[in-house]
């Protein structure tokens, strides 16, 4: 099953990043930026909304590229890295609006990639195996999802 371990490893690290940010962000906003719990929840929601939109957006972009998922994934990593580095170095000086925009972009790109890896790439590998006369779409999906 070619590609299963590499997609599984990518999914592991993407899932780690998505859940780390989602679970740690409200606490960070309260402690490091002195947000009230309500403000922290509102800002953290922008990350979750971006995560939701990212699944649709990256799936649509990969379909426009005739199912080529790698360029879309690399673009998502580049955009989320740029937003993350901007926040990392300027988090004390960043405006409320820029914070929401950066977190939405990070959610869109990381969350979209997370969904792209978990669902679409697993199905693509399984379909390519079926074309070769092999069965195992569910097995591939289970391995990749289990590694994450």
C-alpha atoms as a PDB file:
ATOM      1  CA  UNK A   1       0.000   0.000   0.000  1.00  0.00           C
ATOM      2  CA  UNK A   2       2.153   2.858  -1.265  1.00  0.00           C
ATOM      3  CA  UNK A   3       1.736   6.209   0.403  1.00  0.00           C
ATOM      4  CA  UNK A   4      -0.171   4.987   3.436  1.00  0.00           C
ATOM      5  CA  UNK A   5       2.592   5.556   5.973  1.00  0.00           C
ATOM      6  CA  UNK A   6       3.547   8.962   4.574  1.00  0.00           C
ATOM      7  CA  UNK A   7      -0.085  10.123   4.601  1.00  0.00           C
ATOM      8  CA  UNK A   8      -0.477   8.641   8.084  1.00  0.00           C
ATOM      9  CA  UNK A   9       2.562  10.561   9.335  1.00  0.00           C
ATOM     10  CA  UNK A  10       1.309  13.774   7.725  1.00  0.00           C
ATOM     11  CA  UNK A  11      -2.083  13.215   9.311  1.00  0.00           C
ATOM     12  CA  UNK A  12      -0.492  12.597  12.717  1.00  0.00           C
ATOM     13  CA  UNK A  13       1.373  15.899  12.712  1.00  0.00           C
ATOM     14  CA  UNK A  14      -1.523  17.844  11.222  1.00  0.00           C
ATOM     15  CA  UNK A  15      -3.964  16.433  13.766  1.00  0.00           C
ATOM     16  CA  UNK A  16      -1.507  17.227  16.558  1.00  0.00           C
ATOM     17  CA  UNK A  17      -1.275  20.845  15.390  1.00  0.00           C
ATOM     18  CA  UNK A  18      -5.043  21.253  14.917  1.00  0.00           C
ATOM     19  CA  UNK A  19      -5.939  19.896  18.343  1.00  0.00           C
ATOM     20  CA  UNK A  20      -3.053  21.615  20.131  1.00  0.00           C
ATOM     21  CA  UNK A  21      -4.137  25.000  18.874  1.00  0.00           C
ATOM     22  CA  UNK A  22      -7.838  24.357  19.435  1.00  0.00           C
ATOM     23  CA  UNK A  23      -7.377  23.190  23.015  1.00  0.00           C
ATOM     24  CA  UNK A  24      -4.580  25.523  24.078  1.00  0.00           C
ATOM     25  CA  UNK A  25      -5.683  28.766  22.401  1.00  0.00           C
ATOM     26  CA  UNK A  26      -8.329  30.002  24.892  1.00  0.00           C
ATOM     27  CA  UNK A  27      -5.992  29.486  27.838  1.00  0.00           C
ATOM     28  CA  UNK A  28      -3.155  31.266  26.032  1.00  0.00           C
ATOM     29  CA  UNK A  29      -5.383  34.211  25.142  1.00  0.00           C
ATOM     30  CA  UNK A  30      -6.488  34.578  28.759  1.00  0.00           C
ATOM     31  CA  UNK A  31      -3.045  34.249  30.336  1.00  0.00           C
ATOM     32  CA  UNK A  32      -0.703  35.857  27.789  1.00  0.00           C
ATOM     33  CA  UNK A  33      -2.948  38.544  26.316  1.00  0.00           C
ATOM     34  CA  UNK A  34      -5.218  39.159  29.321  1.00  0.00           C
ATOM     35  CA  UNK A  35      -8.434  38.427  27.455  1.00  0.00           C
ATOM     36  CA  UNK A  36     -11.597  37.818  29.412  1.00  0.00           C
ATOM     37  CA  UNK A  37     -12.982  34.282  29.078  1.00  0.00           C
ATOM     38  CA  UNK A  38     -15.701  35.622  26.757  1.00  0.00           C
ATOM     39  CA  UNK A  39     -13.184  37.420  24.507  1.00  0.00           C
ATOM     40  CA  UNK A  40     -10.942  34.348  24.431  1.00  0.00           C
ATOM     41  CA  UNK A  41     -13.877  32.147  23.454  1.00  0.00           C
ATOM     42  CA  UNK A  42     -14.920  34.541  20.692  1.00  0.00           C
ATOM     43  CA  UNK A  43     -11.427  34.726  19.231  1.00  0.00           C
ATOM     44  CA  UNK A  44     -10.924  30.955  19.519  1.00  0.00           C
ATOM     45  CA  UNK A  45     -14.197  30.478  17.639  1.00  0.00           C
ATOM     46  CA  UNK A  46     -12.624  32.195  14.618  1.00  0.00           C
ATOM     47  CA  UNK A  47     -10.107  29.340  14.484  1.00  0.00           C
ATOM     48  CA  UNK A  48     -12.920  26.777  14.574  1.00  0.00           C
ATOM     49  CA  UNK A  49     -14.906  28.583  11.891  1.00  0.00           C
ATOM     50  CA  UNK A  50     -11.792  28.664   9.699  1.00  0.00           C
ATOM     51  CA  UNK A  51     -11.355  24.949  10.374  1.00  0.00           C
ATOM     52  CA  UNK A  52     -14.897  24.286   9.149  1.00  0.00           C
ATOM     53  CA  UNK A  53     -14.506  26.423   6.016  1.00  0.00           C
ATOM     54  CA  UNK A  54     -11.098  24.931   5.236  1.00  0.00           C
ATOM     55  CA  UNK A  55     -12.505  21.469   4.587  1.00  0.00           C
ATOM     56  CA  UNK A  56     -14.749  22.822   1.862  1.00  0.00           C
ATOM     57  CA  UNK A  57     -12.215  25.261   0.449  1.00  0.00           C
ATOM     58  CA  UNK A  58      -9.231  22.925   0.193  1.00  0.00           C
ATOM     59  CA  UNK A  59     -11.414  20.113  -1.146  1.00  0.00           C
ATOM     60  CA  UNK A  60     -12.784  22.437  -3.802  1.00  0.00           C
ATOM     61  CA  UNK A  61      -9.286  23.678  -4.705  1.00  0.00           C
ATOM     62  CA  UNK A  62      -7.955  20.132  -5.010  1.00  0.00           C
ATOM     63  CA  UNK A  63     -10.905  19.221  -7.238  1.00  0.00           C
ATOM     64  CA  UNK A  64     -10.102  22.228  -9.446  1.00  0.00           C
ATOM     65  CA  UNK A  65      -6.583  20.842  -9.782  1.00  0.00           C
ATOM     66  CA  UNK A  66      -7.987  17.505 -11.023  1.00  0.00           C
ATOM     67  CA  UNK A  67      -7.524  15.728  -7.709  1.00  0.00           C
ATOM     68  CA  UNK A  68      -3.922  16.764  -7.146  1.00  0.00           C
ATOM     69  CA  UNK A  69      -3.801  17.105  -3.386  1.00  0.00           C
ATOM     70  CA  UNK A  70      -0.093  17.772  -2.807  1.00  0.00           C
ATOM     71  CA  UNK A  71       0.074  21.344  -4.208  1.00  0.00           C
ATOM     72  CA  UNK A  72      -3.038  22.280  -2.243  1.00  0.00           C
ATOM     73  CA  UNK A  73      -1.553  20.778   0.918  1.00  0.00           C
ATOM     74  CA  UNK A  74       1.751  22.582   0.449  1.00  0.00           C
ATOM     75  CA  UNK A  75      -0.069  25.875  -0.111  1.00  0.00           C
ATOM     76  CA  UNK A  76      -2.091  25.283   3.057  1.00  0.00           C
ATOM     77  CA  UNK A  77       1.060  24.592   5.085  1.00  0.00           C
ATOM     78  CA  UNK A  78       2.765  27.714   3.695  1.00  0.00           C
ATOM     79  CA  UNK A  79      -0.186  29.993   4.491  1.00  0.00           C
ATOM     80  CA  UNK A  80      -0.727  28.580   7.979  1.00  0.00           C
ATOM     81  CA  UNK A  81       3.013  28.792   8.702  1.00  0.00           C
ATOM     82  CA  UNK A  82       3.108  32.431   7.611  1.00  0.00           C
ATOM     83  CA  UNK A  83       0.126  33.274   9.825  1.00  0.00           C
ATOM     84  CA  UNK A  84       1.623  31.304  12.708  1.00  0.00           C
ATOM     85  CA  UNK A  85       5.015  32.998  12.446  1.00  0.00           C
ATOM     86  CA  UNK A  86       3.340  36.401  12.284  1.00  0.00           C
ATOM     87  CA  UNK A  87       1.446  35.660  15.482  1.00  0.00           C
ATOM     88  CA  UNK A  88       4.480  34.107  17.164  1.00  0.00           C
ATOM     89  CA  UNK A  89       6.683  37.130  16.694  1.00  0.00           C
ATOM     90  CA  UNK A  90       4.048  39.856  17.054  1.00  0.00           C
ATOM     91  CA  UNK A  91       1.500  38.396  19.467  1.00  0.00           C
ATOM     92  CA  UNK A  92       1.943  41.204  21.999  1.00  0.00           C
ATOM     93  CA  UNK A  93       1.471  43.909  19.348  1.00  0.00           C
ATOM     94  CA  UNK A  94      -1.161  42.323  17.104  1.00  0.00           C
ATOM     95  CA  UNK A  95      -4.554  43.987  16.769  1.00  0.00           C
ATOM     96  CA  UNK A  96      -7.776  42.175  17.574  1.00  0.00           C
ATOM     97  CA  UNK A  97      -8.794  42.087  13.898  1.00  0.00           C
ATOM     98  CA  UNK A  98      -5.432  40.769  12.701  1.00  0.00           C
ATOM     99  CA  UNK A  99      -5.532  38.106  15.411  1.00  0.00           C
ATOM    100  CA  UNK A 100      -8.925  36.899  14.197  1.00  0.00           C
ATOM    101  CA  UNK A 101      -7.794  36.953  10.541  1.00  0.00           C
ATOM    102  CA  UNK A 102      -4.584  35.011  11.281  1.00  0.00           C
ATOM    103  CA  UNK A 103      -6.361  32.439  13.442  1.00  0.00           C
ATOM    104  CA  UNK A 104      -9.076  32.009  10.804  1.00  0.00           C
ATOM    105  CA  UNK A 105      -6.420  31.452   8.144  1.00  0.00           C
ATOM    106  CA  UNK A 106      -4.599  28.964  10.347  1.00  0.00           C
ATOM    107  CA  UNK A 107      -7.844  27.141  11.066  1.00  0.00           C
ATOM    108  CA  UNK A 108      -8.793  27.119   7.406  1.00  0.00           C
ATOM    109  CA  UNK A 109      -5.453  25.817   6.209  1.00  0.00           C
ATOM    110  CA  UNK A 110      -4.623  23.377   9.006  1.00  0.00           C
ATOM    111  CA  UNK A 111      -8.176  22.150   9.507  1.00  0.00           C
ATOM    112  CA  UNK A 112      -8.770  21.850   5.783  1.00  0.00           C
ATOM    113  CA  UNK A 113      -5.563  19.878   5.356  1.00  0.00           C
ATOM    114  CA  UNK A 114      -6.534  17.694   8.303  1.00  0.00           C
ATOM    115  CA  UNK A 115      -9.835  16.809   6.613  1.00  0.00           C
ATOM    116  CA  UNK A 116      -8.201  16.430   3.210  1.00  0.00           C
ATOM    117  CA  UNK A 117      -5.702  13.917   4.574  1.00  0.00           C
ATOM    118  CA  UNK A 118      -8.153  11.979   6.691  1.00  0.00           C
ATOM    119  CA  UNK A 119     -10.952  11.565   4.191  1.00  0.00           C
ATOM    120  CA  UNK A 120      -9.967  12.361   0.638  1.00  0.00           C
ATOM    121  CA  UNK A 121      -6.426  11.005   0.496  1.00  0.00           C
ATOM    122  CA  UNK A 122      -7.490   7.806   2.227  1.00  0.00           C
ATOM    123  CA  UNK A 123     -10.229   7.304  -0.325  1.00  0.00           C
ATOM    124  CA  UNK A 124      -7.855   8.139  -3.195  1.00  0.00           C
ATOM    125  CA  UNK A 125      -5.382   5.462  -2.099  1.00  0.00           C
ATOM    126  CA  UNK A 126      -8.199   2.960  -1.665  1.00  0.00           C
ATOM    127  CA  UNK A 127      -9.611   3.719  -5.124  1.00  0.00           C
ATOM    128  CA  UNK A 128      -6.170   3.372  -6.717  1.00  0.00           C
ATOM    129  CA  UNK A 129      -5.860  -0.016  -5.001  1.00  0.00           C
ATOM    130  CA  UNK A 130      -9.251  -1.082  -6.368  1.00  0.00           C
ATOM    131  CA  UNK A 131      -8.139  -0.158  -9.883  1.00  0.00           C
ATOM    132  CA  UNK A 132      -5.268  -2.627  -9.423  1.00  0.00           C
ATOM    133  CA  UNK A 133      -7.706  -5.315  -8.336  1.00  0.00           C
ATOM    134  CA  UNK A 134      -6.955  -5.027  -4.626  1.00  0.00           C
ATOM    135  CA  UNK A 135      -9.444  -4.356  -1.856  1.00  0.00           C
ATOM    136  CA  UNK A 136      -8.742  -2.307   1.206  1.00  0.00           C
ATOM    137  CA  UNK A 137     -10.263   1.172   1.149  1.00  0.00           C
ATOM    138  CA  UNK A 138     -11.532   0.738   4.699  1.00  0.00           C
ATOM    139  CA  UNK A 139      -8.199  -0.676   5.817  1.00  0.00           C
ATOM    140  CA  UNK A 140      -6.299   2.281   4.353  1.00  0.00           C
ATOM    141  CA  UNK A 141      -8.701   4.746   5.969  1.00  0.00           C
ATOM    142  CA  UNK A 142      -8.369   2.943   9.299  1.00  0.00           C
ATOM    143  CA  UNK A 143      -4.570   2.930   9.156  1.00  0.00           C
ATOM    144  CA  UNK A 144      -4.306   6.610   8.297  1.00  0.00           C
ATOM    145  CA  UNK A 145      -6.935   7.662  10.818  1.00  0.00           C
ATOM    146  CA  UNK A 146      -5.431   5.368  13.443  1.00  0.00           C
ATOM    147  CA  UNK A 147      -1.980   6.897  13.006  1.00  0.00           C
ATOM    148  CA  UNK A 148      -3.499  10.323  13.679  1.00  0.00           C
END
